[in-house]
N, C-alpha and C. Protein backbone atom coordinates (compact mmCIF):
# COMPACT_ATOMS: atom_id res chain seq x y z
N UNK A 1 0.84 -1.18 0.00
CA UNK A 1 0.00 0.00 0.00
C UNK A 1 0.89 1.24 0.00
N UNK A 2 0.57 2.20 -0.86
CA UNK A 2 1.39 3.41 -0.93
C UNK A 2 1.02 4.37 0.18
N UNK A 3 2.01 5.12 0.60
CA UNK A 3 1.78 6.09 1.67
C UNK A 3 1.21 7.38 1.08
N UNK A 4 0.42 8.05 1.88
CA UNK A 4 -0.12 9.34 1.49
C UNK A 4 0.76 10.44 2.07
N UNK A 5 0.66 11.62 1.53
CA UNK A 5 1.51 12.73 1.95
C UNK A 5 1.41 12.97 3.45
N UNK A 6 0.20 12.96 3.98
CA UNK A 6 0.05 13.22 5.41
C UNK A 6 0.56 12.06 6.27
N UNK A 7 0.68 10.85 5.72
CA UNK A 7 1.30 9.74 6.45
C UNK A 7 2.79 10.02 6.66
N UNK A 8 3.41 10.61 5.65
CA UNK A 8 4.83 10.98 5.78
C UNK A 8 5.02 12.04 6.86
N UNK A 9 4.07 12.96 6.95
CA UNK A 9 4.14 13.98 8.01
C UNK A 9 4.08 13.32 9.38
N UNK A 10 3.14 12.41 9.57
CA UNK A 10 2.99 11.73 10.86
C UNK A 10 4.26 10.98 11.23
N UNK A 11 4.86 10.31 10.26
CA UNK A 11 6.11 9.57 10.52
C UNK A 11 7.24 10.53 10.89
N UNK A 12 7.33 11.64 10.17
CA UNK A 12 8.38 12.63 10.47
C UNK A 12 8.17 13.27 11.84
N UNK A 13 6.91 13.52 12.19
CA UNK A 13 6.60 14.12 13.49
C UNK A 13 6.96 13.17 14.63
N UNK A 14 6.77 11.87 14.41
CA UNK A 14 7.12 10.89 15.43
C UNK A 14 8.64 10.79 15.62
N UNK A 15 9.38 10.90 14.52
CA UNK A 15 10.84 10.77 14.59
C UNK A 15 11.54 12.08 14.97
N UNK A 16 11.03 13.18 14.44
CA UNK A 16 11.71 14.47 14.59
C UNK A 16 10.73 15.57 15.02
N UNK A 17 10.07 15.44 16.15
CA UNK A 17 9.02 16.40 16.52
C UNK A 17 9.50 17.84 16.68
N UNK A 18 10.77 18.03 17.01
CA UNK A 18 11.26 19.39 17.25
C UNK A 18 12.04 20.00 16.10
N UNK A 19 12.16 19.25 15.00
CA UNK A 19 12.85 19.80 13.83
C UNK A 19 11.90 20.67 13.02
N UNK A 20 12.41 21.73 12.41
CA UNK A 20 11.55 22.62 11.61
C UNK A 20 10.99 21.91 10.38
N UNK A 21 9.69 22.05 10.18
CA UNK A 21 9.03 21.53 8.99
C UNK A 21 8.85 22.65 7.97
N UNK A 22 8.52 23.85 8.46
CA UNK A 22 8.30 25.02 7.61
C UNK A 22 8.84 26.26 8.30
N UNK A 23 9.36 27.16 7.47
CA UNK A 23 9.77 28.47 7.95
C UNK A 23 9.18 29.50 7.00
N UNK A 24 8.64 30.54 7.56
CA UNK A 24 8.09 31.62 6.74
C UNK A 24 8.25 32.91 7.50
N UNK A 25 8.96 33.84 6.91
CA UNK A 25 9.25 35.08 7.62
C UNK A 25 10.03 34.75 8.87
N UNK A 26 9.60 35.24 10.00
CA UNK A 26 10.28 34.95 11.25
C UNK A 26 9.67 33.79 12.00
N UNK A 27 8.70 33.11 11.40
CA UNK A 27 8.01 32.01 12.09
C UNK A 27 8.56 30.65 11.65
N UNK A 28 8.59 29.73 12.61
CA UNK A 28 9.00 28.35 12.34
C UNK A 28 7.94 27.42 12.90
N UNK A 29 7.64 26.39 12.15
CA UNK A 29 6.67 25.38 12.56
C UNK A 29 7.38 24.03 12.56
N UNK A 30 7.48 23.41 13.73
CA UNK A 30 8.15 22.11 13.84
C UNK A 30 7.20 20.98 13.41
N UNK A 31 7.76 19.83 13.09
CA UNK A 31 6.96 18.69 12.66
C UNK A 31 5.89 18.30 13.69
N UNK A 32 6.26 18.30 14.96
CA UNK A 32 5.30 17.94 16.00
C UNK A 32 4.15 18.92 16.07
N UNK A 33 4.46 20.21 15.95
CA UNK A 33 3.42 21.24 15.96
C UNK A 33 2.52 21.12 14.74
N UNK A 34 3.12 20.89 13.58
CA UNK A 34 2.35 20.73 12.35
C UNK A 34 1.42 19.53 12.45
N UNK A 35 1.92 18.44 12.97
CA UNK A 35 1.10 17.23 13.14
C UNK A 35 -0.07 17.51 14.08
N UNK A 36 0.23 18.11 15.23
CA UNK A 36 -0.80 18.38 16.22
C UNK A 36 -1.86 19.36 15.71
N UNK A 37 -1.41 20.49 15.18
CA UNK A 37 -2.36 21.51 14.74
C UNK A 37 -3.17 21.06 13.53
N UNK A 38 -2.55 20.36 12.61
CA UNK A 38 -3.31 19.88 11.43
C UNK A 38 -4.29 18.78 11.83
N UNK A 39 -3.94 17.96 12.80
CA UNK A 39 -4.87 16.92 13.27
C UNK A 39 -6.08 17.55 13.96
N UNK A 40 -5.85 18.59 14.75
CA UNK A 40 -6.98 19.26 15.43
C UNK A 40 -7.91 19.92 14.42
N UNK A 41 -7.33 20.58 13.41
CA UNK A 41 -8.15 21.21 12.38
C UNK A 41 -8.88 20.15 11.55
N UNK A 42 -8.21 19.04 11.26
CA UNK A 42 -8.86 17.95 10.52
C UNK A 42 -10.06 17.42 11.29
N UNK A 43 -9.93 17.31 12.60
CA UNK A 43 -11.06 16.85 13.42
C UNK A 43 -12.24 17.81 13.33
N UNK A 44 -11.95 19.11 13.35
CA UNK A 44 -13.01 20.11 13.19
C UNK A 44 -13.69 19.98 11.82
N UNK A 45 -12.88 19.78 10.80
CA UNK A 45 -13.44 19.63 9.46
C UNK A 45 -14.35 18.41 9.37
N UNK A 46 -13.88 17.28 9.89
CA UNK A 46 -14.68 16.05 9.86
C UNK A 46 -15.98 16.25 10.64
N UNK A 47 -15.89 16.90 11.79
CA UNK A 47 -17.08 17.16 12.60
C UNK A 47 -18.06 18.09 11.88
N UNK A 48 -17.54 18.89 10.93
CA UNK A 48 -18.38 19.80 10.15
C UNK A 48 -18.94 19.13 8.89
N UNK A 49 -18.62 17.85 8.71
CA UNK A 49 -19.16 17.13 7.55
C UNK A 49 -18.21 16.91 6.41
N UNK A 50 -16.96 17.31 6.56
CA UNK A 50 -15.96 17.08 5.51
C UNK A 50 -15.58 15.62 5.52
N UNK A 51 -15.49 15.03 4.33
CA UNK A 51 -15.11 13.63 4.22
C UNK A 51 -14.39 13.39 2.91
N UNK A 52 -14.22 12.12 2.60
CA UNK A 52 -13.50 11.72 1.39
C UNK A 52 -14.12 12.37 0.16
N UNK A 53 -13.28 13.08 -0.58
CA UNK A 53 -13.72 13.71 -1.81
C UNK A 53 -14.36 15.08 -1.65
N UNK A 54 -14.57 15.54 -0.43
CA UNK A 54 -15.13 16.88 -0.23
C UNK A 54 -14.15 17.93 -0.74
N UNK A 55 -14.70 19.02 -1.22
CA UNK A 55 -13.88 20.16 -1.62
C UNK A 55 -13.89 21.18 -0.48
N UNK A 56 -12.72 21.62 -0.08
CA UNK A 56 -12.58 22.59 0.99
C UNK A 56 -11.80 23.78 0.45
N UNK A 57 -12.40 24.95 0.53
CA UNK A 57 -11.71 26.15 0.09
C UNK A 57 -10.66 26.55 1.11
N UNK A 58 -9.54 27.03 0.64
CA UNK A 58 -8.48 27.53 1.51
C UNK A 58 -8.14 28.95 1.10
N UNK A 59 -8.54 29.91 1.91
CA UNK A 59 -8.30 31.33 1.63
C UNK A 59 -7.42 31.88 2.75
N UNK A 60 -6.12 31.65 2.62
CA UNK A 60 -5.16 32.07 3.64
C UNK A 60 -3.99 32.79 2.99
N UNK A 61 -3.47 33.79 3.68
CA UNK A 61 -2.26 34.43 3.16
C UNK A 61 -1.07 33.49 3.30
N UNK A 62 -0.01 33.78 2.55
CA UNK A 62 1.21 33.00 2.67
C UNK A 62 1.69 33.06 4.10
N UNK A 63 2.03 31.90 4.66
CA UNK A 63 2.51 31.88 6.02
C UNK A 63 2.41 30.49 6.62
N UNK A 64 2.68 30.42 7.90
CA UNK A 64 2.72 29.15 8.63
C UNK A 64 1.36 28.45 8.66
N UNK A 65 0.27 29.21 8.61
CA UNK A 65 -1.05 28.58 8.69
C UNK A 65 -1.42 27.80 7.43
N UNK A 66 -0.83 28.14 6.31
CA UNK A 66 -1.18 27.46 5.06
C UNK A 66 -0.86 25.96 5.08
N UNK A 67 0.36 25.54 5.46
CA UNK A 67 0.60 24.09 5.50
C UNK A 67 -0.26 23.37 6.53
N UNK A 68 -0.61 24.04 7.62
CA UNK A 68 -1.51 23.42 8.60
C UNK A 68 -2.84 23.12 7.94
N UNK A 69 -3.36 24.07 7.19
CA UNK A 69 -4.64 23.88 6.50
C UNK A 69 -4.56 22.79 5.45
N UNK A 70 -3.50 22.79 4.66
CA UNK A 70 -3.36 21.78 3.60
C UNK A 70 -3.32 20.37 4.20
N UNK A 71 -2.49 20.17 5.21
CA UNK A 71 -2.40 18.85 5.83
C UNK A 71 -3.71 18.46 6.52
N UNK A 72 -4.41 19.41 7.11
CA UNK A 72 -5.69 19.12 7.76
C UNK A 72 -6.70 18.62 6.74
N UNK A 73 -6.75 19.28 5.60
CA UNK A 73 -7.69 18.87 4.54
C UNK A 73 -7.35 17.47 4.05
N UNK A 74 -6.07 17.19 3.85
CA UNK A 74 -5.64 15.86 3.40
C UNK A 74 -6.00 14.80 4.44
N UNK A 75 -5.77 15.10 5.71
CA UNK A 75 -6.09 14.15 6.78
C UNK A 75 -7.59 13.87 6.85
N UNK A 76 -8.40 14.85 6.47
CA UNK A 76 -9.86 14.66 6.47
C UNK A 76 -10.32 13.90 5.23
N UNK A 77 -9.39 13.62 4.32
CA UNK A 77 -9.74 12.88 3.10
C UNK A 77 -10.28 13.77 2.00
N UNK A 78 -10.13 15.06 2.16
CA UNK A 78 -10.73 16.02 1.23
C UNK A 78 -9.69 16.58 0.26
N UNK A 79 -10.16 17.51 -0.56
CA UNK A 79 -9.34 18.17 -1.56
C UNK A 79 -9.33 19.66 -1.28
N UNK A 80 -8.15 20.27 -1.26
CA UNK A 80 -8.02 21.70 -1.01
C UNK A 80 -8.18 22.47 -2.32
N UNK A 81 -9.04 23.48 -2.30
CA UNK A 81 -9.20 24.39 -3.43
C UNK A 81 -8.63 25.74 -2.98
N UNK A 82 -7.43 26.09 -3.46
CA UNK A 82 -6.82 27.34 -3.02
C UNK A 82 -7.57 28.54 -3.59
N UNK A 83 -7.77 29.54 -2.73
CA UNK A 83 -8.43 30.78 -3.12
C UNK A 83 -7.53 31.93 -2.73
N UNK A 84 -7.25 32.78 -3.68
CA UNK A 84 -6.38 33.94 -3.45
C UNK A 84 -6.98 34.83 -2.36
N UNK A 85 -6.24 35.07 -1.26
CA UNK A 85 -6.79 35.90 -0.19
C UNK A 85 -6.98 37.36 -0.61
N UNK A 86 -6.39 37.76 -1.74
CA UNK A 86 -6.56 39.13 -2.23
C UNK A 86 -7.66 39.24 -3.28
N UNK A 87 -8.28 38.11 -3.61
CA UNK A 87 -9.36 38.13 -4.61
C UNK A 87 -10.55 38.92 -4.08
N UNK A 88 -11.25 39.63 -4.97
CA UNK A 88 -12.44 40.35 -4.53
C UNK A 88 -13.54 39.38 -4.11
N UNK A 89 -14.45 39.87 -3.31
CA UNK A 89 -15.53 39.03 -2.78
C UNK A 89 -16.32 38.35 -3.89
N UNK A 90 -16.54 39.03 -4.99
CA UNK A 90 -17.31 38.43 -6.09
C UNK A 90 -16.60 37.20 -6.65
N UNK A 91 -15.27 37.25 -6.74
CA UNK A 91 -14.50 36.11 -7.25
C UNK A 91 -14.53 34.95 -6.25
N UNK A 92 -14.38 35.25 -4.97
CA UNK A 92 -14.44 34.22 -3.94
C UNK A 92 -15.81 33.53 -3.99
N UNK A 93 -16.87 34.32 -4.06
CA UNK A 93 -18.22 33.76 -4.14
C UNK A 93 -18.38 32.87 -5.37
N UNK A 94 -17.84 33.32 -6.51
CA UNK A 94 -17.92 32.55 -7.76
C UNK A 94 -17.21 31.20 -7.61
N UNK A 95 -16.03 31.19 -7.00
CA UNK A 95 -15.28 29.94 -6.79
C UNK A 95 -16.07 29.00 -5.88
N UNK A 96 -16.57 29.53 -4.77
CA UNK A 96 -17.33 28.70 -3.83
C UNK A 96 -18.58 28.12 -4.48
N UNK A 97 -19.31 28.95 -5.21
CA UNK A 97 -20.55 28.49 -5.84
C UNK A 97 -20.31 27.52 -6.98
N UNK A 98 -19.35 27.83 -7.85
CA UNK A 98 -19.13 26.96 -9.01
C UNK A 98 -18.56 25.60 -8.61
N UNK A 99 -17.80 25.58 -7.51
CA UNK A 99 -17.24 24.31 -7.04
C UNK A 99 -18.13 23.61 -6.03
N UNK A 100 -19.28 24.20 -5.73
CA UNK A 100 -20.19 23.65 -4.71
C UNK A 100 -19.41 23.41 -3.41
N UNK A 101 -18.57 24.37 -3.06
CA UNK A 101 -17.74 24.27 -1.86
C UNK A 101 -18.54 24.72 -0.66
N UNK A 102 -18.62 23.86 0.34
CA UNK A 102 -19.43 24.12 1.53
C UNK A 102 -18.58 24.35 2.78
N UNK A 103 -17.27 24.24 2.64
CA UNK A 103 -16.37 24.42 3.78
C UNK A 103 -15.21 25.31 3.35
N UNK A 104 -14.86 26.24 4.21
CA UNK A 104 -13.82 27.20 3.89
C UNK A 104 -12.92 27.40 5.10
N UNK A 105 -11.63 27.31 4.88
CA UNK A 105 -10.64 27.66 5.90
C UNK A 105 -10.11 29.03 5.51
N UNK A 106 -10.24 29.97 6.41
CA UNK A 106 -9.85 31.33 6.09
C UNK A 106 -9.35 32.03 7.34
N UNK A 107 -8.76 33.19 7.14
CA UNK A 107 -8.45 34.02 8.28
C UNK A 107 -9.67 34.90 8.52
N UNK A 108 -9.59 35.75 9.48
CA UNK A 108 -10.74 36.61 9.79
C UNK A 108 -11.04 37.53 8.60
N UNK A 109 -12.33 37.62 8.29
CA UNK A 109 -12.77 38.50 7.22
C UNK A 109 -13.44 39.73 7.81
N UNK A 110 -13.28 40.83 7.14
CA UNK A 110 -14.04 42.01 7.53
C UNK A 110 -15.52 41.67 7.36
N UNK A 111 -16.38 42.09 8.28
CA UNK A 111 -17.81 41.76 8.20
C UNK A 111 -18.45 42.11 6.86
N UNK A 112 -18.11 43.26 6.29
CA UNK A 112 -18.70 43.67 5.02
C UNK A 112 -18.29 42.71 3.90
N UNK A 113 -17.02 42.26 3.91
CA UNK A 113 -16.53 41.32 2.91
C UNK A 113 -17.26 39.99 3.05
N UNK A 114 -17.35 39.49 4.28
CA UNK A 114 -18.01 38.21 4.54
C UNK A 114 -19.48 38.26 4.12
N UNK A 115 -20.14 39.37 4.36
CA UNK A 115 -21.55 39.51 4.00
C UNK A 115 -21.72 39.41 2.48
N UNK A 116 -20.74 39.92 1.73
CA UNK A 116 -20.79 39.88 0.28
C UNK A 116 -20.50 38.48 -0.26
N UNK A 117 -19.62 37.74 0.43
CA UNK A 117 -19.21 36.40 -0.03
C UNK A 117 -20.28 35.35 0.26
N UNK A 118 -20.82 35.37 1.47
CA UNK A 118 -21.70 34.29 1.91
C UNK A 118 -23.17 34.65 1.73
N UNK A 119 -23.89 33.75 1.09
CA UNK A 119 -25.33 33.90 0.88
C UNK A 119 -26.03 33.18 2.03
N UNK A 120 -26.83 33.90 2.84
CA UNK A 120 -27.47 33.28 4.00
C UNK A 120 -28.41 32.12 3.64
N UNK A 121 -28.91 32.11 2.41
CA UNK A 121 -29.81 31.02 2.01
C UNK A 121 -29.06 29.78 1.55
N UNK A 122 -27.74 29.90 1.40
CA UNK A 122 -26.92 28.79 0.92
C UNK A 122 -26.02 28.32 2.07
N UNK A 123 -26.20 27.09 2.55
CA UNK A 123 -25.43 26.65 3.72
C UNK A 123 -23.92 26.59 3.46
N UNK A 124 -23.18 27.15 4.40
CA UNK A 124 -21.72 27.16 4.31
C UNK A 124 -21.17 27.00 5.70
N UNK A 125 -20.27 26.05 5.88
CA UNK A 125 -19.55 25.92 7.14
C UNK A 125 -18.23 26.64 6.96
N UNK A 126 -17.98 27.61 7.78
CA UNK A 126 -16.76 28.41 7.69
C UNK A 126 -15.89 28.08 8.89
N UNK A 127 -14.74 27.51 8.65
CA UNK A 127 -13.80 27.20 9.71
C UNK A 127 -12.78 28.33 9.75
N UNK A 128 -12.72 29.01 10.86
CA UNK A 128 -11.80 30.15 11.00
C UNK A 128 -10.47 29.65 11.55
N UNK A 129 -9.40 30.02 10.91
CA UNK A 129 -8.07 29.67 11.38
C UNK A 129 -7.41 30.92 11.94
N UNK A 130 -7.14 30.91 13.23
CA UNK A 130 -6.49 32.08 13.85
C UNK A 130 -4.99 31.92 13.88
């Protein structure tokens, strides 16, 4: 049986929990931290209904939170759909609607932006990553 990308992360975290997995700017994320944080986010996603083959939008700026989100989506059995965090609300809404995406990992949105993106009549689970 072939290993999946997130299986390699788990193995690396078990062997080298304190070694850096990612560096971005002045931040460093060790393998153990990446494993722990991505597993916790994956659990939230699964509890929100994400499963094998689900599409999950990822609207995050470049940084340490991005690999956490990617690994969390993989651990949940889903597929990450990257969304440019600088895209206008109309483009974000178009991506979510055309892909029938019901779950989104994002940073905090300004209320006016969020109101433009999300249609109250269309169910959307929004997972906020702080």
